[in-house]
Amino acid sequence: MKRERRTYTPEFKLQLVKLYENGKSRADITRDYDITPSALDRWIKNQKETGSFKAEDNRSAEENELLQLRKEMRQLRMENDILKQAALIMGRK
């Protein structure tokens, strides 16, 4: 059965990270609060590295550059398609 995507507040995430840091086992936390182990691991990692749970705060410079380049490539492809269509229309006249 597929699990529905849920969102959690930063306060909730911080509370679970604190429980883990204070000695409660990872298995107990995931079972008691019905979250996936990977989600808890990601929250712990993000809290240790940057102190933030936002994805954009936890990206490396390379990841940010890659996202920017992908966005720019989509824009250029769209502009290129528009120019191709314009050339076809102008060629018919």
PDB file of N, CA and C in Angstrom:
ATOM      1  N   MET A   1       0.841  -1.172   0.000  1.00  0.00           N
ATOM      2  CA  MET A   1       0.000   0.000   0.000  1.00  0.00           C
ATOM      3  C   MET A   1       0.892   1.242   0.000  1.00  0.00           C
ATOM      4  N   LYS A   2       0.610   2.161  -0.894  1.00  0.00           N
ATOM      5  CA  LYS A   2       1.425   3.366  -1.014  1.00  0.00           C
ATOM      6  C   LYS A   2       1.052   4.363   0.083  1.00  0.00           C
ATOM      7  N   ARG A   3       2.052   4.954   0.659  1.00  0.00           N
ATOM      8  CA  ARG A   3       1.867   5.921   1.732  1.00  0.00           C
ATOM      9  C   ARG A   3       1.614   7.302   1.142  1.00  0.00           C
ATOM     10  N   GLU A   4       0.671   8.023   1.695  1.00  0.00           N
ATOM     11  CA  GLU A   4       0.377   9.385   1.242  1.00  0.00           C
ATOM     12  C   GLU A   4       1.476  10.322   1.717  1.00  0.00           C
ATOM     13  N   ARG A   5       1.872  11.247   0.851  1.00  0.00           N
ATOM     14  CA  ARG A   5       2.933  12.187   1.197  1.00  0.00           C
ATOM     15  C   ARG A   5       2.433  13.144   2.290  1.00  0.00           C
ATOM     16  N   ARG A   6       3.228  13.243   3.323  1.00  0.00           N
ATOM     17  CA  ARG A   6       2.863  14.118   4.437  1.00  0.00           C
ATOM     18  C   ARG A   6       3.918  15.198   4.612  1.00  0.00           C
ATOM     19  N   THR A   7       3.511  16.298   5.174  1.00  0.00           N
ATOM     20  CA  THR A   7       4.460  17.365   5.482  1.00  0.00           C
ATOM     21  C   THR A   7       4.516  17.538   6.995  1.00  0.00           C
ATOM     22  N   TYR A   8       5.684  17.932   7.450  1.00  0.00           N
ATOM     23  CA  TYR A   8       5.913  18.099   8.882  1.00  0.00           C
ATOM     24  C   TYR A   8       6.460  19.494   9.139  1.00  0.00           C
ATOM     25  N   THR A   9       6.113  20.052  10.260  1.00  0.00           N
ATOM     26  CA  THR A   9       6.598  21.387  10.613  1.00  0.00           C
ATOM     27  C   THR A   9       8.059  21.301  11.049  1.00  0.00           C
ATOM     28  N   PRO A  10       8.785  22.400  10.896  1.00  0.00           N
ATOM     29  CA  PRO A  10      10.176  22.408  11.379  1.00  0.00           C
ATOM     30  C   PRO A  10      10.275  22.124  12.880  1.00  0.00           C
ATOM     31  N   GLU A  11       9.279  22.543  13.641  1.00  0.00           N
ATOM     32  CA  GLU A  11       9.286  22.303  15.089  1.00  0.00           C
ATOM     33  C   GLU A  11       9.193  20.806  15.381  1.00  0.00           C
ATOM     34  N   PHE A  12       8.333  20.096  14.637  1.00  0.00           N
ATOM     35  CA  PHE A  12       8.183  18.660  14.806  1.00  0.00           C
ATOM     36  C   PHE A  12       9.493  17.948  14.453  1.00  0.00           C
ATOM     37  N   LYS A  13      10.090  18.334  13.335  1.00  0.00           N
ATOM     38  CA  LYS A  13      11.350  17.738  12.901  1.00  0.00           C
ATOM     39  C   LYS A  13      12.437  17.948  13.954  1.00  0.00           C
ATOM     40  N   LEU A  14      12.515  19.174  14.468  1.00  0.00           N
ATOM     41  CA  LEU A  14      13.522  19.485  15.484  1.00  0.00           C
ATOM     42  C   LEU A  14      13.291  18.671  16.754  1.00  0.00           C
ATOM     43  N   GLN A  15      12.040  18.492  17.121  1.00  0.00           N
ATOM     44  CA  GLN A  15      11.714  17.704  18.301  1.00  0.00           C
ATOM     45  C   GLN A  15      12.199  16.263  18.141  1.00  0.00           C
ATOM     46  N   LEU A  16      11.999  15.681  16.967  1.00  0.00           N
ATOM     47  CA  LEU A  16      12.439  14.302  16.744  1.00  0.00           C
ATOM     48  C   LEU A  16      13.960  14.200  16.701  1.00  0.00           C
ATOM     49  N   VAL A  17      14.617  15.195  16.125  1.00  0.00           N
ATOM     50  CA  VAL A  17      16.080  15.210  16.108  1.00  0.00           C
ATOM     51  C   VAL A  17      16.608  15.289  17.543  1.00  0.00           C
ATOM     52  N   LYS A  18      15.981  16.113  18.370  1.00  0.00           N
ATOM     53  CA  LYS A  18      16.405  16.234  19.773  1.00  0.00           C
ATOM     54  C   LYS A  18      16.208  14.918  20.516  1.00  0.00           C
ATOM     55  N   LEU A  19      15.088  14.222  20.230  1.00  0.00           N
ATOM     56  CA  LEU A  19      14.872  12.919  20.860  1.00  0.00           C
ATOM     57  C   LEU A  19      16.007  11.960  20.501  1.00  0.00           C
ATOM     58  N   TYR A  20      16.388  11.956  19.230  1.00  0.00           N
ATOM     59  CA  TYR A  20      17.477  11.088  18.778  1.00  0.00           C
ATOM     60  C   TYR A  20      18.791  11.472  19.458  1.00  0.00           C
ATOM     61  N   GLU A  21      19.064  12.771  19.521  1.00  0.00           N
ATOM     62  CA  GLU A  21      20.306  13.235  20.148  1.00  0.00           C
ATOM     63  C   GLU A  21      20.351  12.925  21.637  1.00  0.00           C
ATOM     64  N   ASN A  22      19.177  12.839  22.273  1.00  0.00           N
ATOM     65  CA  ASN A  22      19.122  12.546  23.704  1.00  0.00           C
ATOM     66  C   ASN A  22      19.115  11.053  24.002  1.00  0.00           C
ATOM     67  N   GLY A  23      19.292  10.215  22.962  1.00  0.00           N
ATOM     68  CA  GLY A  23      19.482   8.801  23.206  1.00  0.00           C
ATOM     69  C   GLY A  23      18.360   7.876  22.801  1.00  0.00           C
ATOM     70  N   LYS A  24      17.232   8.394  22.366  1.00  0.00           N
ATOM     71  CA  LYS A  24      16.152   7.514  21.929  1.00  0.00           C
ATOM     72  C   LYS A  24      16.558   6.867  20.607  1.00  0.00           C
ATOM     73  N   SER A  25      16.281   5.591  20.468  1.00  0.00           N
ATOM     74  CA  SER A  25      16.735   4.876  19.271  1.00  0.00           C
ATOM     75  C   SER A  25      15.958   5.318  18.031  1.00  0.00           C
ATOM     76  N   ARG A  26      16.640   5.196  16.915  1.00  0.00           N
ATOM     77  CA  ARG A  26      16.057   5.571  15.619  1.00  0.00           C
ATOM     78  C   ARG A  26      14.805   4.730  15.345  1.00  0.00           C
ATOM     79  N   ALA A  27      14.877   3.448  15.645  1.00  0.00           N
ATOM     80  CA  ALA A  27      13.749   2.542  15.405  1.00  0.00           C
ATOM     81  C   ALA A  27      12.535   2.929  16.244  1.00  0.00           C
ATOM     82  N   ASP A  28      12.777   3.287  17.500  1.00  0.00           N
ATOM     83  CA  ASP A  28      11.668   3.696  18.369  1.00  0.00           C
ATOM     84  C   ASP A  28      11.000   4.970  17.855  1.00  0.00           C
ATOM     85  N   ILE A  29      11.800   5.921  17.430  1.00  0.00           N
ATOM     86  CA  ILE A  29      11.251   7.193  16.935  1.00  0.00           C
ATOM     87  C   ILE A  29      10.417   6.967  15.682  1.00  0.00           C
ATOM     88  N   THR A  30      10.958   6.194  14.746  1.00  0.00           N
ATOM     89  CA  THR A  30      10.221   5.974  13.494  1.00  0.00           C
ATOM     90  C   THR A  30       8.934   5.196  13.736  1.00  0.00           C
ATOM     91  N   ARG A  31       8.967   4.255  14.652  1.00  0.00           N
ATOM     92  CA  ARG A  31       7.770   3.476  14.957  1.00  0.00           C
ATOM     93  C   ARG A  31       6.742   4.317  15.724  1.00  0.00           C
ATOM     94  N   ASP A  32       7.186   5.056  16.725  1.00  0.00           N
ATOM     95  CA  ASP A  32       6.262   5.833  17.552  1.00  0.00           C
ATOM     96  C   ASP A  32       5.597   6.974  16.793  1.00  0.00           C
ATOM     97  N   TYR A  33       6.324   7.594  15.887  1.00  0.00           N
ATOM     98  CA  TYR A  33       5.796   8.759  15.168  1.00  0.00           C
ATOM     99  C   TYR A  33       5.402   8.459  13.727  1.00  0.00           C
ATOM    100  N   ASP A  34       5.480   7.181  13.335  1.00  0.00           N
ATOM    101  CA  ASP A  34       5.058   6.727  12.007  1.00  0.00           C
ATOM    102  C   ASP A  34       5.697   7.543  10.883  1.00  0.00           C
ATOM    103  N   ILE A  35       7.025   7.606  10.928  1.00  0.00           N
ATOM    104  CA  ILE A  35       7.778   8.261   9.851  1.00  0.00           C
ATOM    105  C   ILE A  35       8.761   7.251   9.279  1.00  0.00           C
ATOM    106  N   THR A  36       9.282   7.551   8.101  1.00  0.00           N
ATOM    107  CA  THR A  36      10.238   6.637   7.483  1.00  0.00           C
ATOM    108  C   THR A  36      11.628   6.868   8.080  1.00  0.00           C
ATOM    109  N   PRO A  37      12.422   5.808   8.161  1.00  0.00           N
ATOM    110  CA  PRO A  37      13.787   5.974   8.674  1.00  0.00           C
ATOM    111  C   PRO A  37      14.613   6.938   7.824  1.00  0.00           C
ATOM    112  N   SER A  38      14.395   6.933   6.514  1.00  0.00           N
ATOM    113  CA  SER A  38      15.165   7.833   5.649  1.00  0.00           C
ATOM    114  C   SER A  38      14.829   9.293   5.931  1.00  0.00           C
ATOM    115  N   ALA A  39      13.572   9.575   6.249  1.00  0.00           N
ATOM    116  CA  ALA A  39      13.195  10.951   6.576  1.00  0.00           C
ATOM    117  C   ALA A  39      13.899  11.405   7.853  1.00  0.00           C
ATOM    118  N   LEU A  40      13.892  10.563   8.859  1.00  0.00           N
ATOM    119  CA  LEU A  40      14.561  10.910  10.117  1.00  0.00           C
ATOM    120  C   LEU A  40      16.057  11.104   9.894  1.00  0.00           C
ATOM    121  N   ASP A  41      16.672  10.209   9.122  1.00  0.00           N
ATOM    122  CA  ASP A  41      18.104  10.338   8.840  1.00  0.00           C
ATOM    123  C   ASP A  41      18.409  11.656   8.130  1.00  0.00           C
ATOM    124  N   ARG A  42      17.570  12.028   7.182  1.00  0.00           N
ATOM    125  CA  ARG A  42      17.764  13.283   6.443  1.00  0.00           C
ATOM    126  C   ARG A  42      17.622  14.483   7.379  1.00  0.00           C
ATOM    127  N   TRP A  43      16.643  14.447   8.266  1.00  0.00           N
ATOM    128  CA  TRP A  43      16.457  15.558   9.202  1.00  0.00           C
ATOM    129  C   TRP A  43      17.653  15.691  10.140  1.00  0.00           C
ATOM    130  N   ILE A  44      18.153  14.569  10.617  1.00  0.00           N
ATOM    131  CA  ILE A  44      19.315  14.593  11.510  1.00  0.00           C
ATOM    132  C   ILE A  44      20.524  15.164  10.771  1.00  0.00           C
ATOM    133  N   LYS A  45      20.757  14.692   9.562  1.00  0.00           N
ATOM    134  CA  LYS A  45      21.889  15.159   8.755  1.00  0.00           C
ATOM    135  C   LYS A  45      21.773  16.654   8.480  1.00  0.00           C
ATOM    136  N   ASN A  46      20.593  17.107   8.052  1.00  0.00           N
ATOM    137  CA  ASN A  46      20.398  18.522   7.747  1.00  0.00           C
ATOM    138  C   ASN A  46      20.578  19.397   8.980  1.00  0.00           C
ATOM    139  N   GLN A  47      20.098  18.937  10.119  1.00  0.00           N
ATOM    140  CA  GLN A  47      20.226  19.711  11.354  1.00  0.00           C
ATOM    141  C   GLN A  47      21.690  19.831  11.758  1.00  0.00           C
ATOM    142  N   LYS A  48      22.450  18.763  11.590  1.00  0.00           N
ATOM    143  CA  LYS A  48      23.869  18.803  11.954  1.00  0.00           C
ATOM    144  C   LYS A  48      24.669  19.693  11.011  1.00  0.00           C
ATOM    145  N   GLU A  49      24.367  19.607   9.704  1.00  0.00           N
ATOM    146  CA  GLU A  49      25.171  20.331   8.716  1.00  0.00           C
ATOM    147  C   GLU A  49      24.847  21.815   8.639  1.00  0.00           C
ATOM    148  N   THR A  50      23.564  22.157   8.560  1.00  0.00           N
ATOM    149  CA  THR A  50      23.211  23.568   8.339  1.00  0.00           C
ATOM    150  C   THR A  50      22.271  24.134   9.385  1.00  0.00           C
ATOM    151  N   GLY A  51      21.642  23.290  10.161  1.00  0.00           N
ATOM    152  CA  GLY A  51      20.695  23.778  11.146  1.00  0.00           C
ATOM    153  C   GLY A  51      19.350  24.133  10.536  1.00  0.00           C
ATOM    154  N   SER A  52      19.135  23.769   9.288  1.00  0.00           N
ATOM    155  CA  SER A  52      17.887  24.096   8.607  1.00  0.00           C
ATOM    156  C   SER A  52      17.314  22.842   7.978  1.00  0.00           C
ATOM    157  N   PHE A  53      15.982  22.792   7.873  1.00  0.00           N
ATOM    158  CA  PHE A  53      15.321  21.658   7.244  1.00  0.00           C
ATOM    159  C   PHE A  53      14.877  21.973   5.825  1.00  0.00           C
ATOM    160  N   LYS A  54      15.088  23.199   5.356  1.00  0.00           N
ATOM    161  CA  LYS A  54      14.685  23.577   3.999  1.00  0.00           C
ATOM    162  C   LYS A  54      15.668  22.992   2.989  1.00  0.00           C
ATOM    163  N   ALA A  55      15.142  22.444   1.906  1.00  0.00           N
ATOM    164  CA  ALA A  55      15.990  21.812   0.887  1.00  0.00           C
ATOM    165  C   ALA A  55      16.954  22.810   0.272  1.00  0.00           C
ATOM    166  N   GLU A  56      16.484  24.013  -0.009  1.00  0.00           N
ATOM    167  CA  GLU A  56      17.358  24.991  -0.659  1.00  0.00           C
ATOM    168  C   GLU A  56      18.516  25.427   0.229  1.00  0.00           C
ATOM    169  N   ASP A  57      18.354  25.338   1.537  1.00  0.00           N
ATOM    170  CA  ASP A  57      19.443  25.686   2.444  1.00  0.00           C
ATOM    171  C   ASP A  57      20.487  24.571   2.542  1.00  0.00           C
ATOM    172  N   ASN A  58      20.108  23.375   2.138  1.00  0.00           N
ATOM    173  CA  ASN A  58      20.988  22.216   2.300  1.00  0.00           C
ATOM    174  C   ASN A  58      21.610  21.752   0.993  1.00  0.00           C
ATOM    175  N   ARG A  59      21.467  22.537  -0.062  1.00  0.00           N
ATOM    176  CA  ARG A  59      22.076  22.185  -1.343  1.00  0.00           C
ATOM    177  C   ARG A  59      23.517  22.675  -1.398  1.00  0.00           C
ATOM    178  N   SER A  60      24.341  21.904  -2.094  1.00  0.00           N
ATOM    179  CA  SER A  60      25.716  22.331  -2.298  1.00  0.00           C
ATOM    180  C   SER A  60      25.747  23.359  -3.422  1.00  0.00           C
ATOM    181  N   ALA A  61      26.883  24.025  -3.579  1.00  0.00           N
ATOM    182  CA  ALA A  61      27.032  25.015  -4.650  1.00  0.00           C
ATOM    183  C   ALA A  61      26.866  24.349  -6.012  1.00  0.00           C
ATOM    184  N   GLU A  62      27.361  23.124  -6.156  1.00  0.00           N
ATOM    185  CA  GLU A  62      27.234  22.401  -7.419  1.00  0.00           C
ATOM    186  C   GLU A  62      25.780  22.087  -7.734  1.00  0.00           C
ATOM    187  N   GLU A  63      25.019  21.700  -6.718  1.00  0.00           N
ATOM    188  CA  GLU A  63      23.603  21.402  -6.931  1.00  0.00           C
ATOM    189  C   GLU A  63      22.835  22.662  -7.335  1.00  0.00           C
ATOM    190  N   ASN A  64      23.154  23.777  -6.686  1.00  0.00           N
ATOM    191  CA  ASN A  64      22.500  25.037  -7.061  1.00  0.00           C
ATOM    192  C   ASN A  64      22.839  25.431  -8.488  1.00  0.00           C
ATOM    193  N   GLU A  65      24.100  25.252  -8.870  1.00  0.00           N
ATOM    194  CA  GLU A  65      24.516  25.578 -10.228  1.00  0.00           C
ATOM    195  C   GLU A  65      23.815  24.669 -11.235  1.00  0.00           C
ATOM    196  N   LEU A  66      23.715  23.386 -10.920  1.00  0.00           N
ATOM    197  CA  LEU A  66      23.051  22.445 -11.809  1.00  0.00           C
ATOM    198  C   LEU A  66      21.586  22.814 -12.002  1.00  0.00           C
ATOM    199  N   LEU A  67      20.896  23.173 -10.934  1.00  0.00           N
ATOM    200  CA  LEU A  67      19.495  23.594 -11.042  1.00  0.00           C
ATOM    201  C   LEU A  67      19.358  24.837 -11.906  1.00  0.00           C
ATOM    202  N   GLN A  68      20.261  25.791 -11.724  1.00  0.00           N
ATOM    203  CA  GLN A  68      20.234  27.015 -12.517  1.00  0.00           C
ATOM    204  C   GLN A  68      20.482  26.715 -13.996  1.00  0.00           C
ATOM    205  N   LEU A  69      21.443  25.839 -14.281  1.00  0.00           N
ATOM    206  CA  LEU A  69      21.748  25.483 -15.665  1.00  0.00           C
ATOM    207  C   LEU A  69      20.586  24.743 -16.325  1.00  0.00           C
ATOM    208  N   ARG A  70      19.928  23.880 -15.569  1.00  0.00           N
ATOM    209  CA  ARG A  70      18.763  23.171 -16.116  1.00  0.00           C
ATOM    210  C   ARG A  70      17.634  24.145 -16.435  1.00  0.00           C
ATOM    211  N   LYS A  71      17.421  25.099 -15.554  1.00  0.00           N
ATOM    212  CA  LYS A  71      16.387  26.106 -15.785  1.00  0.00           C
ATOM    213  C   LYS A  71      16.715  26.925 -17.033  1.00  0.00           C
ATOM    214  N   GLU A  72      17.970  27.318 -17.160  1.00  0.00           N
ATOM    215  CA  GLU A  72      18.405  28.095 -18.320  1.00  0.00           C
ATOM    216  C   GLU A  72      18.265  27.275 -19.602  1.00  0.00           C
ATOM    217  N   MET A  73      18.594  25.973 -19.540  1.00  0.00           N
ATOM    218  CA  MET A  73      18.477  25.111 -20.715  1.00  0.00           C
ATOM    219  C   MET A  73      17.015  24.988 -21.152  1.00  0.00           C
ATOM    220  N   ARG A  74      16.087  24.832 -20.213  1.00  0.00           N
ATOM    221  CA  ARG A  74      14.661  24.770 -20.562  1.00  0.00           C
ATOM    222  C   ARG A  74      14.224  26.035 -21.278  1.00  0.00           C
ATOM    223  N   GLN A  75      14.670  27.186 -20.761  1.00  0.00           N
ATOM    224  CA  GLN A  75      14.322  28.475 -21.357  1.00  0.00           C
ATOM    225  C   GLN A  75      14.883  28.584 -22.776  1.00  0.00           C
ATOM    226  N   LEU A  76      16.132  28.200 -22.961  1.00  0.00           N
ATOM    227  CA  LEU A  76      16.756  28.280 -24.283  1.00  0.00           C
ATOM    228  C   LEU A  76      16.108  27.324 -25.285  1.00  0.00           C
ATOM    229  N   ARG A  77      15.737  26.143 -24.826  1.00  0.00           N
ATOM    230  CA  ARG A  77      15.046  25.198 -25.712  1.00  0.00           C
ATOM    231  C   ARG A  77      13.694  25.752 -26.149  1.00  0.00           C
ATOM    232  N   MET A  78      12.986  26.362 -25.205  1.00  0.00           N
ATOM    233  CA  MET A  78      11.692  26.948 -25.537  1.00  0.00           C
ATOM    234  C   MET A  78      11.873  28.076 -26.553  1.00  0.00           C
ATOM    235  N   GLU A  79      12.855  28.936 -26.344  1.00  0.00           N
ATOM    236  CA  GLU A  79      13.112  30.025 -27.281  1.00  0.00           C
ATOM    237  C   GLU A  79      13.524  29.479 -28.650  1.00  0.00           C
ATOM    238  N   ASN A  80      14.321  28.425 -28.664  1.00  0.00           N
ATOM    239  CA  ASN A  80      14.751  27.807 -29.910  1.00  0.00           C
ATOM    240  C   ASN A  80      13.552  27.243 -30.678  1.00  0.00           C
ATOM    241  N   ASP A  81      12.633  26.590 -29.973  1.00  0.00           N
ATOM    242  CA  ASP A  81      11.433  26.056 -30.625  1.00  0.00           C
ATOM    243  C   ASP A  81      10.585  27.180 -31.224  1.00  0.00           C
ATOM    244  N   ILE A  82      10.481  28.279 -30.521  1.00  0.00           N
ATOM    245  CA  ILE A  82       9.719  29.421 -31.031  1.00  0.00           C
ATOM    246  C   ILE A  82      10.371  29.965 -32.298  1.00  0.00           C
ATOM    247  N   LEU A  83      11.688  30.083 -32.293  1.00  0.00           N
ATOM    248  CA  LEU A  83      12.391  30.576 -33.482  1.00  0.00           C
ATOM    249  C   LEU A  83      12.255  29.613 -34.658  1.00  0.00           C
ATOM    250  N   LYS A  84      12.268  28.322 -34.399  1.00  0.00           N
ATOM    251  CA  LYS A  84      12.073  27.341 -35.467  1.00  0.00           C
ATOM    252  C   LYS A  84      10.691  27.488 -36.091  1.00  0.00           C
ATOM    253  N   GLN A  85       9.676  27.653 -35.253  1.00  0.00           N
ATOM    254  CA  GLN A  85       8.334  27.834 -35.756  1.00  0.00           C
ATOM    255  C   GLN A  85       8.220  29.119 -36.559  1.00  0.00           C
ATOM    256  N   ALA A  86       8.837  30.181 -36.101  1.00  0.00           N
ATOM    257  CA  ALA A  86       8.805  31.455 -36.818  1.00  0.00           C
ATOM    258  C   ALA A  86       9.500  31.315 -38.166  1.00  0.00           C
ATOM    259  N   ALA A  87      10.601  30.591 -38.224  1.00  0.00           N
ATOM    260  CA  ALA A  87      11.327  30.393 -39.489  1.00  0.00           C
ATOM    261  C   ALA A  87      10.469  29.607 -40.468  1.00  0.00           C
ATOM    262  N   LEU A  88       9.740  28.607 -39.964  1.00  0.00           N
ATOM    263  CA  LEU A  88       8.852  27.847 -40.850  1.00  0.00           C
ATOM    264  C   LEU A  88       7.742  28.729 -41.411  1.00  0.00           C
ATOM    265  N   ILE A  89       7.172  29.554 -40.571  1.00  0.00           N
ATOM    266  CA  ILE A  89       6.090  30.443 -41.016  1.00  0.00           C
ATOM    267  C   ILE A  89       6.607  31.455 -42.031  1.00  0.00           C
ATOM    268  N   MET A  90       7.769  32.017 -41.752  1.00  0.00           N
ATOM    269  CA  MET A  90       8.342  33.010 -42.679  1.00  0.00           C
ATOM    270  C   MET A  90       8.762  32.362 -43.986  1.00  0.00           C
ATOM    271  N   GLY A  91       9.175  31.107 -43.961  1.00  0.00           N
ATOM    272  CA  GLY A  91       9.588  30.402 -45.162  1.00  0.00           C
ATOM    273  C   GLY A  91       8.438  30.105 -46.104  1.00  0.00           C
ATOM    274  N   ARG A  92       7.237  30.002 -45.578  1.00  0.00           N
ATOM    275  CA  ARG A  92       6.059  29.723 -46.390  1.00  0.00           C
ATOM    276  C   ARG A  92       5.610  30.938 -47.175  1.00  0.00           C
ATOM    277  N   LYS A  93       5.940  32.133 -46.703  1.00  0.00           N
ATOM    278  CA  LYS A  93       5.441  33.360 -47.350  1.00  0.00           C
ATOM    279  C   LYS A  93       6.263  33.749 -48.522  1.00  0.00           C
TER     280      LYS A  93
END
